[in-house]
N, C-alpha and C. Protein backbone atom coordinates (compact mmCIF):
# COMPACT_ATOMS: atom_id res chain seq x y z
N MET A 1 -49.58 -150.82 23.01
CA MET A 1 -48.99 -149.51 22.79
C MET A 1 -50.12 -148.56 22.37
N HIS A 2 -50.08 -147.37 22.88
CA HIS A 2 -51.09 -146.39 22.56
C HIS A 2 -50.97 -145.92 21.12
N LEU A 3 -52.07 -145.57 20.55
CA LEU A 3 -52.10 -145.10 19.17
C LEU A 3 -51.20 -143.88 18.99
N ALA A 4 -51.25 -142.97 19.93
CA ALA A 4 -50.44 -141.75 19.83
C ALA A 4 -48.95 -142.07 19.81
N THR A 5 -48.54 -143.05 20.58
CA THR A 5 -47.13 -143.45 20.60
C THR A 5 -46.72 -144.05 19.26
N ARG A 6 -47.58 -144.89 18.71
CA ARG A 6 -47.27 -145.49 17.40
C ARG A 6 -47.19 -144.44 16.31
N VAL A 7 -48.11 -143.49 16.34
CA VAL A 7 -48.11 -142.41 15.35
C VAL A 7 -46.84 -141.58 15.49
N ALA A 8 -46.47 -141.25 16.72
CA ALA A 8 -45.26 -140.46 16.95
C ALA A 8 -44.03 -141.20 16.47
N ARG A 9 -43.95 -142.49 16.73
CA ARG A 9 -42.79 -143.27 16.29
C ARG A 9 -42.70 -143.35 14.77
N ALA A 10 -43.84 -143.30 14.12
CA ALA A 10 -43.85 -143.37 12.66
C ALA A 10 -43.51 -142.03 12.02
N PHE A 11 -43.97 -140.93 12.60
CA PHE A 11 -43.83 -139.64 11.95
C PHE A 11 -42.63 -138.83 12.40
N VAL A 12 -42.19 -138.97 13.61
CA VAL A 12 -41.07 -138.15 14.10
C VAL A 12 -39.80 -138.39 13.30
N PRO A 13 -39.38 -139.64 13.04
CA PRO A 13 -38.16 -139.80 12.22
C PRO A 13 -38.28 -139.20 10.82
N ALA A 14 -39.46 -139.37 10.20
CA ALA A 14 -39.65 -138.80 8.86
C ALA A 14 -39.61 -137.28 8.91
N TRP A 15 -40.20 -136.70 9.94
CA TRP A 15 -40.20 -135.25 10.10
C TRP A 15 -38.79 -134.73 10.31
N LEU A 16 -38.01 -135.43 11.14
CA LEU A 16 -36.63 -135.00 11.39
C LEU A 16 -35.80 -135.09 10.11
N LEU A 17 -35.99 -136.13 9.32
CA LEU A 17 -35.28 -136.26 8.05
C LEU A 17 -35.66 -135.12 7.12
N ALA A 18 -36.95 -134.82 7.02
CA ALA A 18 -37.39 -133.73 6.16
C ALA A 18 -36.81 -132.40 6.63
N LEU A 19 -36.77 -132.18 7.92
CA LEU A 19 -36.20 -130.94 8.45
C LEU A 19 -34.72 -130.85 8.12
N GLY A 20 -34.00 -131.95 8.29
CA GLY A 20 -32.57 -131.96 7.97
C GLY A 20 -32.32 -131.67 6.50
N LEU A 21 -33.12 -132.26 5.63
CA LEU A 21 -32.96 -132.01 4.20
C LEU A 21 -33.29 -130.58 3.85
N ALA A 22 -34.31 -130.03 4.49
CA ALA A 22 -34.67 -128.63 4.22
C ALA A 22 -33.55 -127.70 4.66
N LEU A 23 -32.97 -127.98 5.80
CA LEU A 23 -31.85 -127.16 6.27
C LEU A 23 -30.64 -127.31 5.35
N ALA A 24 -30.39 -128.53 4.89
CA ALA A 24 -29.27 -128.74 3.98
C ALA A 24 -29.50 -128.02 2.66
N ALA A 25 -30.73 -128.04 2.17
CA ALA A 25 -31.04 -127.40 0.90
C ALA A 25 -30.87 -125.89 0.97
N THR A 26 -31.12 -125.31 2.14
CA THR A 26 -30.98 -123.87 2.27
C THR A 26 -29.62 -123.48 2.82
N GLY A 27 -28.82 -124.46 3.18
CA GLY A 27 -27.54 -124.18 3.80
C GLY A 27 -26.61 -123.34 2.96
N ALA A 28 -26.58 -123.56 1.66
CA ALA A 28 -25.67 -122.81 0.80
C ALA A 28 -26.02 -121.33 0.81
N GLU A 29 -27.32 -121.00 0.93
CA GLU A 29 -27.71 -119.60 0.97
C GLU A 29 -27.53 -119.00 2.35
N ASP A 30 -27.35 -119.84 3.38
CA ASP A 30 -27.22 -119.36 4.75
C ASP A 30 -25.76 -119.24 5.17
N GLY A 31 -24.86 -119.13 4.23
CA GLY A 31 -23.45 -118.95 4.55
C GLY A 31 -22.66 -120.24 4.63
N HIS A 32 -23.31 -121.38 4.51
CA HIS A 32 -22.58 -122.64 4.47
C HIS A 32 -21.99 -122.82 3.08
N LYS A 33 -20.86 -123.44 3.03
CA LYS A 33 -20.19 -123.64 1.76
C LYS A 33 -20.28 -125.10 1.35
N LEU A 34 -20.59 -125.33 0.08
CA LEU A 34 -20.67 -126.68 -0.44
C LEU A 34 -19.27 -127.16 -0.79
N GLN A 35 -18.90 -128.29 -0.23
CA GLN A 35 -17.62 -128.91 -0.52
C GLN A 35 -17.88 -130.23 -1.23
N GLY A 36 -17.03 -130.58 -2.18
CA GLY A 36 -17.19 -131.84 -2.90
C GLY A 36 -18.06 -131.68 -4.13
N VAL A 37 -18.43 -132.81 -4.70
CA VAL A 37 -19.20 -132.82 -5.94
C VAL A 37 -20.42 -133.72 -5.82
N VAL A 38 -21.39 -133.46 -6.70
CA VAL A 38 -22.58 -134.28 -6.82
C VAL A 38 -22.53 -134.93 -8.20
N ASN A 39 -22.56 -136.25 -8.21
CA ASN A 39 -22.60 -136.98 -9.48
C ASN A 39 -24.04 -136.95 -10.00
N VAL A 40 -24.27 -136.20 -11.07
CA VAL A 40 -25.63 -136.03 -11.59
C VAL A 40 -26.19 -137.33 -12.18
N ASN A 41 -25.35 -138.32 -12.43
CA ASN A 41 -25.82 -139.58 -12.99
C ASN A 41 -26.23 -140.59 -11.92
N THR A 42 -25.88 -140.35 -10.66
CA THR A 42 -26.23 -141.31 -9.61
C THR A 42 -26.88 -140.66 -8.39
N ALA A 43 -26.85 -139.35 -8.28
CA ALA A 43 -27.33 -138.66 -7.08
C ALA A 43 -28.83 -138.82 -6.89
N SER A 44 -29.22 -138.89 -5.64
CA SER A 44 -30.64 -138.91 -5.29
C SER A 44 -31.19 -137.49 -5.36
N VAL A 45 -32.50 -137.38 -5.27
CA VAL A 45 -33.14 -136.07 -5.24
C VAL A 45 -32.58 -135.27 -4.05
N GLN A 46 -32.42 -135.93 -2.92
CA GLN A 46 -31.92 -135.26 -1.72
C GLN A 46 -30.48 -134.76 -1.92
N GLU A 47 -29.65 -135.56 -2.54
CA GLU A 47 -28.27 -135.14 -2.78
C GLU A 47 -28.22 -133.97 -3.77
N LEU A 48 -29.05 -134.00 -4.79
CA LEU A 48 -29.08 -132.90 -5.76
C LEU A 48 -29.52 -131.60 -5.10
N GLN A 49 -30.33 -131.70 -4.06
CA GLN A 49 -30.80 -130.50 -3.37
C GLN A 49 -29.69 -129.82 -2.57
N LEU A 50 -28.56 -130.45 -2.40
CA LEU A 50 -27.42 -129.80 -1.76
C LEU A 50 -26.85 -128.69 -2.64
N LEU A 51 -27.11 -128.79 -3.93
CA LEU A 51 -26.58 -127.81 -4.88
C LEU A 51 -27.28 -126.47 -4.72
N PRO A 52 -26.53 -125.37 -4.82
CA PRO A 52 -27.15 -124.05 -4.69
C PRO A 52 -28.18 -123.81 -5.79
N GLY A 53 -29.37 -123.38 -5.38
CA GLY A 53 -30.42 -123.07 -6.33
C GLY A 53 -31.22 -124.26 -6.81
N VAL A 54 -30.94 -125.44 -6.26
CA VAL A 54 -31.66 -126.64 -6.68
C VAL A 54 -32.56 -127.09 -5.53
N GLY A 55 -33.87 -126.94 -5.75
CA GLY A 55 -34.85 -127.40 -4.79
C GLY A 55 -35.39 -128.75 -5.23
N GLU A 56 -36.45 -129.18 -4.57
CA GLU A 56 -37.00 -130.50 -4.86
C GLU A 56 -37.49 -130.64 -6.30
N ALA A 57 -38.19 -129.64 -6.82
CA ALA A 57 -38.74 -129.74 -8.18
C ALA A 57 -37.62 -129.82 -9.22
N ARG A 58 -36.61 -129.00 -9.07
CA ARG A 58 -35.51 -129.01 -10.04
C ARG A 58 -34.71 -130.31 -9.91
N ALA A 59 -34.52 -130.78 -8.69
CA ALA A 59 -33.80 -132.05 -8.49
C ALA A 59 -34.56 -133.20 -9.15
N ARG A 60 -35.87 -133.21 -8.99
CA ARG A 60 -36.68 -134.26 -9.65
C ARG A 60 -36.60 -134.15 -11.17
N ALA A 61 -36.56 -132.92 -11.67
CA ALA A 61 -36.44 -132.73 -13.12
C ALA A 61 -35.10 -133.26 -13.63
N ILE A 62 -34.04 -133.09 -12.85
CA ILE A 62 -32.73 -133.62 -13.23
C ILE A 62 -32.76 -135.13 -13.26
N VAL A 63 -33.37 -135.74 -12.25
CA VAL A 63 -33.48 -137.21 -12.21
C VAL A 63 -34.31 -137.71 -13.38
N ASP A 64 -35.41 -137.02 -13.69
CA ASP A 64 -36.25 -137.42 -14.83
C ASP A 64 -35.48 -137.34 -16.14
N LEU A 65 -34.74 -136.26 -16.35
CA LEU A 65 -33.94 -136.10 -17.56
C LEU A 65 -32.91 -137.23 -17.67
N ARG A 66 -32.26 -137.52 -16.56
CA ARG A 66 -31.25 -138.58 -16.52
C ARG A 66 -31.87 -139.92 -16.90
N LYS A 67 -33.07 -140.20 -16.37
CA LYS A 67 -33.74 -141.47 -16.69
C LYS A 67 -34.15 -141.53 -18.16
N GLN A 68 -34.67 -140.41 -18.70
CA GLN A 68 -35.09 -140.37 -20.10
C GLN A 68 -33.93 -140.64 -21.04
N ARG A 69 -32.77 -140.15 -20.68
CA ARG A 69 -31.61 -140.24 -21.58
C ARG A 69 -30.69 -141.40 -21.25
N GLY A 70 -31.00 -142.15 -20.23
CA GLY A 70 -30.12 -143.25 -19.85
C GLY A 70 -28.80 -142.74 -19.29
N GLY A 71 -28.84 -141.60 -18.64
CA GLY A 71 -27.64 -140.98 -18.09
C GLY A 71 -27.25 -139.76 -18.90
N LEU A 72 -26.51 -138.89 -18.28
CA LEU A 72 -26.04 -137.67 -18.96
C LEU A 72 -24.60 -137.87 -19.40
N LYS A 73 -24.31 -137.44 -20.58
CA LYS A 73 -22.96 -137.55 -21.12
C LYS A 73 -22.19 -136.24 -21.04
N SER A 74 -22.92 -135.14 -20.84
CA SER A 74 -22.32 -133.81 -20.75
C SER A 74 -23.12 -132.99 -19.73
N LEU A 75 -22.43 -132.18 -18.96
CA LEU A 75 -23.12 -131.30 -18.02
C LEU A 75 -23.99 -130.29 -18.75
N ASP A 76 -23.65 -129.99 -19.98
CA ASP A 76 -24.45 -129.05 -20.78
C ASP A 76 -25.88 -129.55 -20.99
N GLU A 77 -26.12 -130.85 -20.86
CA GLU A 77 -27.47 -131.38 -20.99
C GLU A 77 -28.39 -130.84 -19.90
N LEU A 78 -27.82 -130.36 -18.79
CA LEU A 78 -28.63 -129.79 -17.72
C LEU A 78 -29.34 -128.51 -18.17
N LEU A 79 -28.89 -127.92 -19.25
CA LEU A 79 -29.57 -126.74 -19.79
C LEU A 79 -30.98 -127.07 -20.26
N ASP A 80 -31.28 -128.35 -20.44
CA ASP A 80 -32.62 -128.77 -20.84
C ASP A 80 -33.57 -128.87 -19.65
N VAL A 81 -33.07 -128.65 -18.45
CA VAL A 81 -33.92 -128.65 -17.25
C VAL A 81 -34.46 -127.24 -17.04
N LYS A 82 -35.78 -127.15 -16.88
CA LYS A 82 -36.41 -125.85 -16.66
C LYS A 82 -35.79 -125.18 -15.43
N GLY A 83 -35.38 -123.93 -15.61
CA GLY A 83 -34.80 -123.18 -14.51
C GLY A 83 -33.28 -123.20 -14.46
N ILE A 84 -32.66 -124.03 -15.29
CA ILE A 84 -31.20 -124.03 -15.35
C ILE A 84 -30.79 -123.40 -16.67
N GLY A 85 -30.16 -122.25 -16.56
CA GLY A 85 -29.67 -121.54 -17.74
C GLY A 85 -28.16 -121.49 -17.71
N ASP A 86 -27.58 -120.75 -18.64
CA ASP A 86 -26.12 -120.67 -18.73
C ASP A 86 -25.48 -120.19 -17.43
N ALA A 87 -26.04 -119.13 -16.84
CA ALA A 87 -25.45 -118.55 -15.64
C ALA A 87 -25.53 -119.53 -14.46
N SER A 88 -26.69 -120.14 -14.27
CA SER A 88 -26.81 -121.07 -13.13
C SER A 88 -25.96 -122.32 -13.34
N LEU A 89 -25.85 -122.79 -14.58
CA LEU A 89 -25.01 -123.95 -14.84
C LEU A 89 -23.55 -123.64 -14.53
N GLU A 90 -23.10 -122.44 -14.86
CA GLU A 90 -21.71 -122.08 -14.56
C GLU A 90 -21.45 -122.03 -13.06
N LYS A 91 -22.47 -121.61 -12.28
CA LYS A 91 -22.32 -121.60 -10.81
C LYS A 91 -22.29 -123.03 -10.27
N LEU A 92 -23.04 -123.92 -10.90
CA LEU A 92 -23.13 -125.30 -10.45
C LEU A 92 -21.93 -126.15 -10.88
N ARG A 93 -21.37 -125.82 -12.03
CA ARG A 93 -20.35 -126.66 -12.67
C ARG A 93 -19.22 -127.14 -11.73
N PRO A 94 -18.68 -126.28 -10.84
CA PRO A 94 -17.61 -126.76 -9.96
C PRO A 94 -18.07 -127.85 -8.98
N HIS A 95 -19.37 -127.98 -8.80
CA HIS A 95 -19.91 -128.94 -7.84
C HIS A 95 -20.51 -130.17 -8.50
N LEU A 96 -20.34 -130.30 -9.81
CA LEU A 96 -20.98 -131.39 -10.56
C LEU A 96 -19.96 -132.36 -11.12
N ALA A 97 -20.37 -133.61 -11.22
CA ALA A 97 -19.55 -134.65 -11.85
C ALA A 97 -20.47 -135.56 -12.65
N LEU A 98 -19.92 -136.20 -13.66
CA LEU A 98 -20.67 -137.15 -14.48
C LEU A 98 -20.39 -138.59 -14.06
N ASP A 99 -19.31 -138.80 -13.32
CA ASP A 99 -18.99 -140.13 -12.83
C ASP A 99 -18.30 -140.01 -11.48
N GLY A 100 -18.07 -141.14 -10.86
CA GLY A 100 -17.46 -141.14 -9.54
C GLY A 100 -18.51 -141.00 -8.45
N LYS A 101 -18.03 -140.87 -7.26
CA LYS A 101 -18.89 -140.83 -6.08
C LYS A 101 -19.35 -139.42 -5.76
N THR A 102 -20.58 -139.28 -5.28
CA THR A 102 -21.05 -138.00 -4.75
C THR A 102 -20.38 -137.78 -3.40
N THR A 103 -19.66 -136.67 -3.29
CA THR A 103 -18.92 -136.39 -2.05
C THR A 103 -19.38 -135.06 -1.42
N ALA A 104 -20.41 -134.45 -1.97
CA ALA A 104 -20.85 -133.13 -1.53
C ALA A 104 -21.31 -133.14 -0.08
N ARG A 105 -20.95 -132.06 0.61
CA ARG A 105 -21.41 -131.82 1.99
C ARG A 105 -21.33 -130.34 2.24
N LEU A 106 -22.17 -129.86 3.13
CA LEU A 106 -22.16 -128.44 3.50
C LEU A 106 -21.25 -128.24 4.70
N GLU A 107 -20.44 -127.21 4.64
CA GLU A 107 -19.56 -126.87 5.77
C GLU A 107 -19.83 -125.48 6.23
């Protein structure tokens, strides 16, 4: 197999995944509506990025906070994440859960 073919097979799926996640992360601002909830105690960085105003850095900060505390017991603990204040937490609150399954999707 040619080197170029092997490189393409390795990078194209990763690139497509990154593109899909980038589109999903910006979907809420592009008129798509977020349906369902994100469980902040189990969600991946990618799932957290479905939330409006949450990019990769903020999603990683949420995961780090969750790990430091052994899980979150209150959504108000998200106020300890840089960039999440009272107003942004109130916008996020309808899309957040502390337990159960992450069901969030953009429509």
